[in-house]
Structures are given as C-alpha cells and as structure tokens.
Amino acid sequence: MSSVHQNARRHGHAAVSVVLLPAAHTGPEDFVREGFGEAVRERSLDIDLTFAALEFGHVTDRSVVERIRSEHLLPARARGSTLWLGGISLGGYVALCCAERDSRGLAGLCLMAPYLGSYLVTAEIARAGLAAWSCADLAADDEERRVWRFLKTRTPGAPQIHLGLGREDRFRDRHQLLAAELAPGEVDTVPGAHDWPTWRRLWDNFLDVRLTPRR
C-alpha cells in the first residue's frame, strides 16, 4: 500500500504540510474517496497533503513510528514547512506515538477519534486522574502509557493538539478522558459515530479553525 500525495502547487512546496494516518483497515485511498483533499482545494488553502499508509506488519513489529518519521516527517521538516501530523482512530494513536518519540518540527496534532490505549490502561488513568497518575520508569515498549505520559507532561512549547470527537462514538468514554485534560478550544465535538461522515465533518472543522487564514 503506497501513500498518496496531493500538493497545492505545481512547482515547489506549500507553506503548510499535513500528514494524515488512517484508521485500521482503511488506507490512503479512503481519504481521497471521502474528499479530504477536495476540502482543502475548495478552501484554496496552501497545504501539501500526504495520506500515508499504515501497514499492519509495521504496526505489530513496532517499526511504524520510525517509518512515518523517516518517510514523511523528516522530509517535511527539512523543507521548513509548518507541519501538522494527524490521524483517525489507530492513525491518531500512531500520530501520538510519533510525537512522543520526537516532536521537533511538529506544529500540531490533529487527532480524530484517536485510539487511546486498552481499557486496562485508560481505566488505570481514570481511577488515579491524569495529574496524580504515576508514570515514572516506563518500559521502552510500553507505548500506550508513554503516550499518556507525553500528554500529562506537555509543556508550553509542545505541539498544539486539536481533538475531534463524535458525540455518539462507541469509544466516547476514553475520548472524554483526554478531552477533560485539554482546553475547550482544543476539543471539537460534533454529532456522529466512529465513521467516515463524522471524520469528514471533523476534518472540515479542523481546516476552518486551524488552517484557514483569518481575514
């Protein structure tokens, strides 16, 4: 499965680059089919889009973060682009893993209905409260807890977070655990479930709120 690139300019690179990672069992072509690129063109935005592929084998062998970093993030950083990394469901989780590993050059994270860890991990955090949750001495392969440590220890210079949620999403309880830790302006909630129509609505809102220049 190959990634899909949609550039704003015929020659050269746009001022902003957005790399989007798909949900499980979906791919780059689904972003195209659902009109994510069309939404950018309708707004005449100077944005280069990359709809990246997530190979299941790369997720299971834990090479996915380094692959996304080397194939997509480092080249955008080298171009000097304002770089947003985003993802849907599993893709949102991988985006968080990438930011936890190396957030340099990332302007922000666009997380739409992100997977936030197993029930065991999220229940542990919910019981303690994120502020009181102990996250010292985590193993290198404990990615789920490392992601939550990244969220717990964000500093003013950390990438912005834009969290998009469907009100009827079946994973709503876990999403609310993160939403409660963010500022109101960082969370966008719309009617909808864990599905493409909801994610497309969230994408439209993200473009309007975060990437459309103010007149």
C-alpha atoms as a PDB file:
ATOM      1  CA  MET A   1       0.000   0.000   0.000  1.00  0.00           C
ATOM      2  CA  SER A   2       1.536   3.307  -1.075  1.00  0.00           C
ATOM      3  CA  SER A   3       0.956   6.796   0.280  1.00  0.00           C
ATOM      4  CA  VAL A   4      -0.884   9.460  -1.692  1.00  0.00           C
ATOM      5  CA  HIS A   5       0.490  12.994  -2.064  1.00  0.00           C
ATOM      6  CA  GLN A   6      -1.670  15.941  -3.073  1.00  0.00           C
ATOM      7  CA  ASN A   7       0.378  19.126  -3.441  1.00  0.00           C
ATOM      8  CA  ALA A   8      -1.105  22.613  -3.511  1.00  0.00           C
ATOM      9  CA  ARG A   9       1.410  23.937  -6.074  1.00  0.00           C
ATOM     10  CA  ARG A  10       2.521  22.571  -9.404  1.00  0.00           C
ATOM     11  CA  HIS A  11       6.108  23.519  -8.558  1.00  0.00           C
ATOM     12  CA  GLY A  12       7.686  23.798  -5.130  1.00  0.00           C
ATOM     13  CA  HIS A  13       6.159  23.148  -1.752  1.00  0.00           C
ATOM     14  CA  ALA A  14       3.360  24.782   0.199  1.00  0.00           C
ATOM     15  CA  ALA A  15       3.870  26.694   3.421  1.00  0.00           C
ATOM     16  CA  VAL A  16       1.974  24.031   5.378  1.00  0.00           C
ATOM     17  CA  SER A  17       2.267  20.241   5.224  1.00  0.00           C
ATOM     18  CA  VAL A  18      -0.273  17.864   6.744  1.00  0.00           C
ATOM     19  CA  VAL A  19       0.419  14.153   7.082  1.00  0.00           C
ATOM     20  CA  LEU A  20      -2.680  12.055   7.823  1.00  0.00           C
ATOM     21  CA  LEU A  21      -2.628   8.463   9.091  1.00  0.00           C
ATOM     22  CA  PRO A  22      -5.665   6.215   8.506  1.00  0.00           C
ATOM     23  CA  ALA A  23      -7.840   4.158  10.786  1.00  0.00           C
ATOM     24  CA  ALA A  24      -7.342   0.395  10.977  1.00  0.00           C
ATOM     25  CA  HIS A  25      -8.458  -1.497   7.871  1.00  0.00           C
ATOM     26  CA  THR A  26      -8.506   1.704   5.815  1.00  0.00           C
ATOM     27  CA  GLY A  27      -5.880   3.325   3.626  1.00  0.00           C
ATOM     28  CA  PRO A  28      -4.814   6.453   1.767  1.00  0.00           C
ATOM     29  CA  GLU A  29      -7.419   5.910  -0.942  1.00  0.00           C
ATOM     30  CA  ASP A  30     -10.178   6.279   1.654  1.00  0.00           C
ATOM     31  CA  PHE A  31      -9.065   9.835   2.442  1.00  0.00           C
ATOM     32  CA  VAL A  32      -9.267  10.563  -1.288  1.00  0.00           C
ATOM     33  CA  ARG A  33     -12.676   8.925  -1.681  1.00  0.00           C
ATOM     34  CA  GLU A  34     -14.091  10.804   1.315  1.00  0.00           C
ATOM     35  CA  GLY A  35     -12.990  14.164  -0.087  1.00  0.00           C
ATOM     36  CA  PHE A  36     -10.291  15.194   2.385  1.00  0.00           C
ATOM     37  CA  GLY A  37      -8.185  16.654  -0.414  1.00  0.00           C
ATOM     38  CA  GLU A  38     -11.221  18.193  -2.063  1.00  0.00           C
ATOM     39  CA  ALA A  39     -11.990  20.042   1.184  1.00  0.00           C
ATOM     40  CA  VAL A  40      -8.546  21.674   1.043  1.00  0.00           C
ATOM     41  CA  ARG A  41      -8.953  22.654  -2.601  1.00  0.00           C
ATOM     42  CA  GLU A  42     -12.426  24.096  -2.004  1.00  0.00           C
ATOM     43  CA  ARG A  43     -10.869  26.470   0.531  1.00  0.00           C
ATOM     44  CA  SER A  44      -7.917  27.311  -1.764  1.00  0.00           C
ATOM     45  CA  LEU A  45      -5.528  26.508   1.067  1.00  0.00           C
ATOM     46  CA  ASP A  46      -1.753  26.429   0.533  1.00  0.00           C
ATOM     47  CA  ILE A  47      -1.366  22.968   2.041  1.00  0.00           C
ATOM     48  CA  ASP A  48       0.520  19.906   0.843  1.00  0.00           C
ATOM     49  CA  LEU A  49      -1.287  16.737   1.903  1.00  0.00           C
ATOM     50  CA  THR A  50       0.142  13.287   2.461  1.00  0.00           C
ATOM     51  CA  PHE A  51      -2.284  10.446   3.061  1.00  0.00           C
ATOM     52  CA  ALA A  52       0.097   7.886   4.492  1.00  0.00           C
ATOM     53  CA  ALA A  53      -0.302   4.124   4.572  1.00  0.00           C
ATOM     54  CA  LEU A  54      -0.183   2.107   7.796  1.00  0.00           C
ATOM     55  CA  GLU A  55       0.945  -1.431   7.110  1.00  0.00           C
ATOM     56  CA  PHE A  56      -0.334  -3.887   9.735  1.00  0.00           C
ATOM     57  CA  GLY A  57       3.031  -5.630   9.895  1.00  0.00           C
ATOM     58  CA  HIS A  58       4.803  -2.363  10.638  1.00  0.00           C
ATOM     59  CA  VAL A  59       2.386  -1.665  13.492  1.00  0.00           C
ATOM     60  CA  THR A  60       2.860  -5.094  15.041  1.00  0.00           C
ATOM     61  CA  ASP A  61       6.653  -5.117  14.727  1.00  0.00           C
ATOM     62  CA  ARG A  62       6.788  -1.553  16.157  1.00  0.00           C
ATOM     63  CA  SER A  63       8.656  -0.131  13.163  1.00  0.00           C
ATOM     64  CA  VAL A  64       5.764   2.119  12.143  1.00  0.00           C
ATOM     65  CA  VAL A  65       6.869   5.192  14.119  1.00  0.00           C
ATOM     66  CA  GLU A  66      10.357   5.259  12.635  1.00  0.00           C
ATOM     67  CA  ARG A  67       8.944   4.664   9.146  1.00  0.00           C
ATOM     68  CA  ILE A  68       6.491   7.580   9.432  1.00  0.00           C
ATOM     69  CA  ARG A  69       9.254   9.742  10.849  1.00  0.00           C
ATOM     70  CA  SER A  70      11.829   8.952   8.156  1.00  0.00           C
ATOM     71  CA  GLU A  71       9.494   8.800   5.147  1.00  0.00           C
ATOM     72  CA  HIS A  72       7.228  11.762   5.907  1.00  0.00           C
ATOM     73  CA  LEU A  73       8.104  13.899   8.922  1.00  0.00           C
ATOM     74  CA  LEU A  74      11.827  14.439   8.406  1.00  0.00           C
ATOM     75  CA  PRO A  75      11.445  15.485   4.739  1.00  0.00           C
ATOM     76  CA  ALA A  76       8.723  17.999   5.656  1.00  0.00           C
ATOM     77  CA  ARG A  77      10.871  19.316   8.478  1.00  0.00           C
ATOM     78  CA  ALA A  78      13.825  19.699   6.101  1.00  0.00           C
ATOM     79  CA  ARG A  79      11.656  21.768   3.725  1.00  0.00           C
ATOM     80  CA  GLY A  80      10.838  24.151   6.550  1.00  0.00           C
ATOM     81  CA  SER A  81       7.104  23.500   6.281  1.00  0.00           C
ATOM     82  CA  THR A  82       4.701  24.202   9.104  1.00  0.00           C
ATOM     83  CA  LEU A  83       3.953  20.562   9.844  1.00  0.00           C
ATOM     84  CA  TRP A  84       0.785  19.029  11.247  1.00  0.00           C
ATOM     85  CA  LEU A  85       0.534  15.293  11.870  1.00  0.00           C
ATOM     86  CA  GLY A  86      -2.922  13.822  12.128  1.00  0.00           C
ATOM     87  CA  GLY A  87      -4.754  10.564  12.213  1.00  0.00           C
ATOM     88  CA  ILE A  88      -8.024   8.774  12.681  1.00  0.00           C
ATOM     89  CA  SER A  89      -8.549   6.102  15.357  1.00  0.00           C
ATOM     90  CA  LEU A  90      -5.427   3.874  15.147  1.00  0.00           C
ATOM     91  CA  GLY A  91      -3.822   6.554  12.979  1.00  0.00           C
ATOM     92  CA  GLY A  92      -4.367   9.085  15.759  1.00  0.00           C
ATOM     93  CA  TYR A  93      -2.651   6.772  18.202  1.00  0.00           C
ATOM     94  CA  VAL A  94       0.336   6.331  15.877  1.00  0.00           C
ATOM     95  CA  ALA A  95       0.493  10.125  15.487  1.00  0.00           C
ATOM     96  CA  LEU A  96       0.713  10.415  19.274  1.00  0.00           C
ATOM     97  CA  CYS A  97       3.429   7.743  19.354  1.00  0.00           C
ATOM     98  CA  CYS A  98       5.406   9.735  16.776  1.00  0.00           C
ATOM     99  CA  ALA A  99       5.074  12.936  18.814  1.00  0.00           C
ATOM    100  CA  GLU A 100       6.061  11.131  21.997  1.00  0.00           C
ATOM    101  CA  ARG A 101       9.176   9.805  20.283  1.00  0.00           C
ATOM    102  CA  ASP A 102      10.231  13.102  18.642  1.00  0.00           C
ATOM    103  CA  SER A 103       8.023  16.201  18.498  1.00  0.00           C
ATOM    104  CA  ARG A 104      10.640  18.527  16.976  1.00  0.00           C
ATOM    105  CA  GLY A 105       9.280  20.385  13.989  1.00  0.00           C
ATOM    106  CA  LEU A 106       5.667  19.474  14.704  1.00  0.00           C
ATOM    107  CA  ALA A 107       3.323  22.458  14.865  1.00  0.00           C
ATOM    108  CA  GLY A 108       0.436  20.327  15.991  1.00  0.00           C
ATOM    109  CA  LEU A 109      -1.515  17.086  16.107  1.00  0.00           C
ATOM    110  CA  CYS A 110      -4.946  16.660  14.532  1.00  0.00           C
ATOM    111  CA  LEU A 111      -6.466  13.682  16.346  1.00  0.00           C
ATOM    112  CA  MET A 112      -9.839  12.434  15.138  1.00  0.00           C
ATOM    113  CA  ALA A 113     -11.425   9.799  17.408  1.00  0.00           C
ATOM    114  CA  PRO A 114      -7.958   8.511  18.377  1.00  0.00           C
ATOM    115  CA  TYR A 115      -7.333   5.117  19.907  1.00  0.00           C
ATOM    116  CA  LEU A 116      -6.005   5.942  23.386  1.00  0.00           C
ATOM    117  CA  GLY A 117      -4.964   2.587  24.739  1.00  0.00           C
ATOM    118  CA  SER A 118      -6.503  -0.558  26.120  1.00  0.00           C
ATOM    119  CA  TYR A 119      -9.264  -0.474  28.698  1.00  0.00           C
ATOM    120  CA  LEU A 120      -6.698  -1.647  31.265  1.00  0.00           C
ATOM    121  CA  VAL A 121      -4.547   1.449  30.700  1.00  0.00           C
ATOM    122  CA  THR A 122      -7.334   4.008  30.379  1.00  0.00           C
ATOM    123  CA  ALA A 123      -9.154   2.629  33.446  1.00  0.00           C
ATOM    124  CA  GLU A 124      -5.920   2.896  35.426  1.00  0.00           C
ATOM    125  CA  ILE A 125      -5.570   6.551  34.448  1.00  0.00           C
ATOM    126  CA  ALA A 126      -9.247   7.293  35.052  1.00  0.00           C
ATOM    127  CA  ARG A 127      -9.058   5.883  38.596  1.00  0.00           C
ATOM    128  CA  ALA A 128      -5.995   7.945  39.503  1.00  0.00           C
ATOM    129  CA  GLY A 129      -6.715  11.072  37.474  1.00  0.00           C
ATOM    130  CA  LEU A 130      -4.080  12.059  34.951  1.00  0.00           C
ATOM    131  CA  ALA A 131      -2.490  14.671  37.229  1.00  0.00           C
ATOM    132  CA  ALA A 132      -1.945  12.123  40.020  1.00  0.00           C
ATOM    133  CA  TRP A 133      -1.195   9.148  37.782  1.00  0.00           C
ATOM    134  CA  SER A 134       2.337   7.798  38.299  1.00  0.00           C
ATOM    135  CA  CYS A 135       4.256   7.418  35.044  1.00  0.00           C
ATOM    136  CA  ALA A 136       7.865   7.035  36.118  1.00  0.00           C
ATOM    137  CA  ASP A 137      10.127   4.244  34.867  1.00  0.00           C
ATOM    138  CA  LEU A 138       8.054   3.125  31.891  1.00  0.00           C
ATOM    139  CA  ALA A 139       9.437   0.377  29.689  1.00  0.00           C
ATOM    140  CA  ALA A 140      10.516   1.309  26.180  1.00  0.00           C
ATOM    141  CA  ASP A 141       7.847  -0.949  24.677  1.00  0.00           C
ATOM    142  CA  ASP A 142       5.027   0.393  26.883  1.00  0.00           C
ATOM    143  CA  GLU A 143       3.786   2.681  24.108  1.00  0.00           C
ATOM    144  CA  GLU A 144       0.296   3.225  25.481  1.00  0.00           C
ATOM    145  CA  ARG A 145       1.464   4.530  28.838  1.00  0.00           C
ATOM    146  CA  ARG A 146       4.276   6.504  27.192  1.00  0.00           C
ATOM    147  CA  VAL A 147       1.668   8.302  25.079  1.00  0.00           C
ATOM    148  CA  TRP A 148      -0.263   9.251  28.208  1.00  0.00           C
ATOM    149  CA  ARG A 149       2.956  10.405  29.881  1.00  0.00           C
ATOM    150  CA  PHE A 150       3.566  12.638  26.849  1.00  0.00           C
ATOM    151  CA  LEU A 151       0.058  14.081  27.251  1.00  0.00           C
ATOM    152  CA  LYS A 152       0.480  14.511  31.020  1.00  0.00           C
ATOM    153  CA  THR A 153       3.816  16.320  30.755  1.00  0.00           C
ATOM    154  CA  ARG A 154       3.084  18.687  27.839  1.00  0.00           C
ATOM    155  CA  THR A 155       4.936  21.982  28.111  1.00  0.00           C
ATOM    156  CA  PRO A 156       4.042  25.354  26.546  1.00  0.00           C
ATOM    157  CA  GLY A 157       6.373  24.606  23.639  1.00  0.00           C
ATOM    158  CA  ALA A 158       4.775  21.243  22.826  1.00  0.00           C
ATOM    159  CA  PRO A 159       2.811  20.739  19.596  1.00  0.00           C
ATOM    160  CA  GLN A 160      -0.728  22.036  19.626  1.00  0.00           C
ATOM    161  CA  ILE A 161      -3.475  19.454  19.959  1.00  0.00           C
ATOM    162  CA  HIS A 162      -6.739  19.517  18.025  1.00  0.00           C
ATOM    163  CA  LEU A 163      -9.000  16.706  19.266  1.00  0.00           C
ATOM    164  CA  GLY A 164     -12.039  15.898  17.132  1.00  0.00           C
ATOM    165  CA  LEU A 165     -14.774  13.671  18.545  1.00  0.00           C
ATOM    166  CA  GLY A 166     -18.118  12.229  17.530  1.00  0.00           C
ATOM    167  CA  ARG A 167     -20.734  12.581  20.242  1.00  0.00           C
ATOM    168  CA  GLU A 168     -22.054   9.035  19.638  1.00  0.00           C
ATOM    169  CA  ASP A 169     -18.656   7.390  19.106  1.00  0.00           C
ATOM    170  CA  ARG A 170     -18.513   3.954  20.736  1.00  0.00           C
ATOM    171  CA  PHE A 171     -15.158   4.895  22.309  1.00  0.00           C
ATOM    172  CA  ARG A 172     -16.530   8.161  23.699  1.00  0.00           C
ATOM    173  CA  ASP A 173     -15.666   7.399  27.352  1.00  0.00           C
ATOM    174  CA  ARG A 174     -11.965   7.008  26.551  1.00  0.00           C
ATOM    175  CA  HIS A 175     -12.017  10.128  24.377  1.00  0.00           C
ATOM    176  CA  GLN A 176     -13.556  12.144  27.189  1.00  0.00           C
ATOM    177  CA  LEU A 177     -10.672  11.125  29.443  1.00  0.00           C
ATOM    178  CA  LEU A 178      -8.353  13.093  27.161  1.00  0.00           C
ATOM    179  CA  ALA A 179     -10.837  15.860  26.370  1.00  0.00           C
ATOM    180  CA  ALA A 180     -11.120  16.646  30.092  1.00  0.00           C
ATOM    181  CA  GLU A 181      -7.390  17.438  30.186  1.00  0.00           C
ATOM    182  CA  LEU A 182      -7.467  19.863  27.232  1.00  0.00           C
ATOM    183  CA  ALA A 183      -8.574  23.460  26.944  1.00  0.00           C
ATOM    184  CA  PRO A 184     -12.066  23.962  25.462  1.00  0.00           C
ATOM    185  CA  GLY A 185     -10.558  25.414  22.281  1.00  0.00           C
ATOM    186  CA  GLU A 186      -8.582  22.214  21.711  1.00  0.00           C
ATOM    187  CA  VAL A 187     -11.656  19.970  21.528  1.00  0.00           C
ATOM    188  CA  ASP A 188     -14.215  19.828  18.712  1.00  0.00           C
ATOM    189  CA  THR A 189     -17.270  17.632  19.300  1.00  0.00           C
ATOM    190  CA  VAL A 190     -19.850  17.015  16.573  1.00  0.00           C
ATOM    191  CA  PRO A 191     -22.849  14.714  16.241  1.00  0.00           C
ATOM    192  CA  GLY A 192     -21.798  11.356  14.848  1.00  0.00           C
ATOM    193  CA  ALA A 193     -20.306   7.936  15.445  1.00  0.00           C
ATOM    194  CA  HIS A 194     -16.987   6.190  14.688  1.00  0.00           C
ATOM    195  CA  ASP A 195     -17.377   6.546  10.929  1.00  0.00           C
ATOM    196  CA  TRP A 196     -16.253   8.444   7.840  1.00  0.00           C
ATOM    197  CA  PRO A 197     -19.090  11.019   7.692  1.00  0.00           C
ATOM    198  CA  THR A 198     -18.189  12.118  11.231  1.00  0.00           C
ATOM    199  CA  TRP A 199     -14.452  12.196  10.492  1.00  0.00           C
ATOM    200  CA  ARG A 200     -15.026  14.256   7.348  1.00  0.00           C
ATOM    201  CA  ARG A 201     -17.055  16.773   9.365  1.00  0.00           C
ATOM    202  CA  LEU A 202     -14.250  16.963  11.926  1.00  0.00           C
ATOM    203  CA  TRP A 203     -11.694  17.469   9.131  1.00  0.00           C
ATOM    204  CA  ASP A 204     -13.717  20.358   7.691  1.00  0.00           C
ATOM    205  CA  ASN A 205     -13.849  21.980  11.129  1.00  0.00           C
ATOM    206  CA  PHE A 206     -10.123  21.483  11.658  1.00  0.00           C
ATOM    207  CA  LEU A 207      -9.332  23.209   8.365  1.00  0.00           C
ATOM    208  CA  ASP A 208     -11.655  26.103   9.163  1.00  0.00           C
ATOM    209  CA  VAL A 209     -10.448  26.622  12.720  1.00  0.00           C
ATOM    210  CA  ARG A 210      -6.733  25.834  12.460  1.00  0.00           C
ATOM    211  CA  LEU A 211      -5.540  26.296   8.885  1.00  0.00           C
ATOM    212  CA  THR A 212      -7.797  28.821   7.168  1.00  0.00           C
ATOM    213  CA  PRO A 213      -6.199  32.297   7.321  1.00  0.00           C
ATOM    214  CA  ARG A 214      -8.219  34.888   9.226  1.00  0.00           C
ATOM    215  CA  ARG A 215      -9.455  37.749   7.112  1.00  0.00           C
END
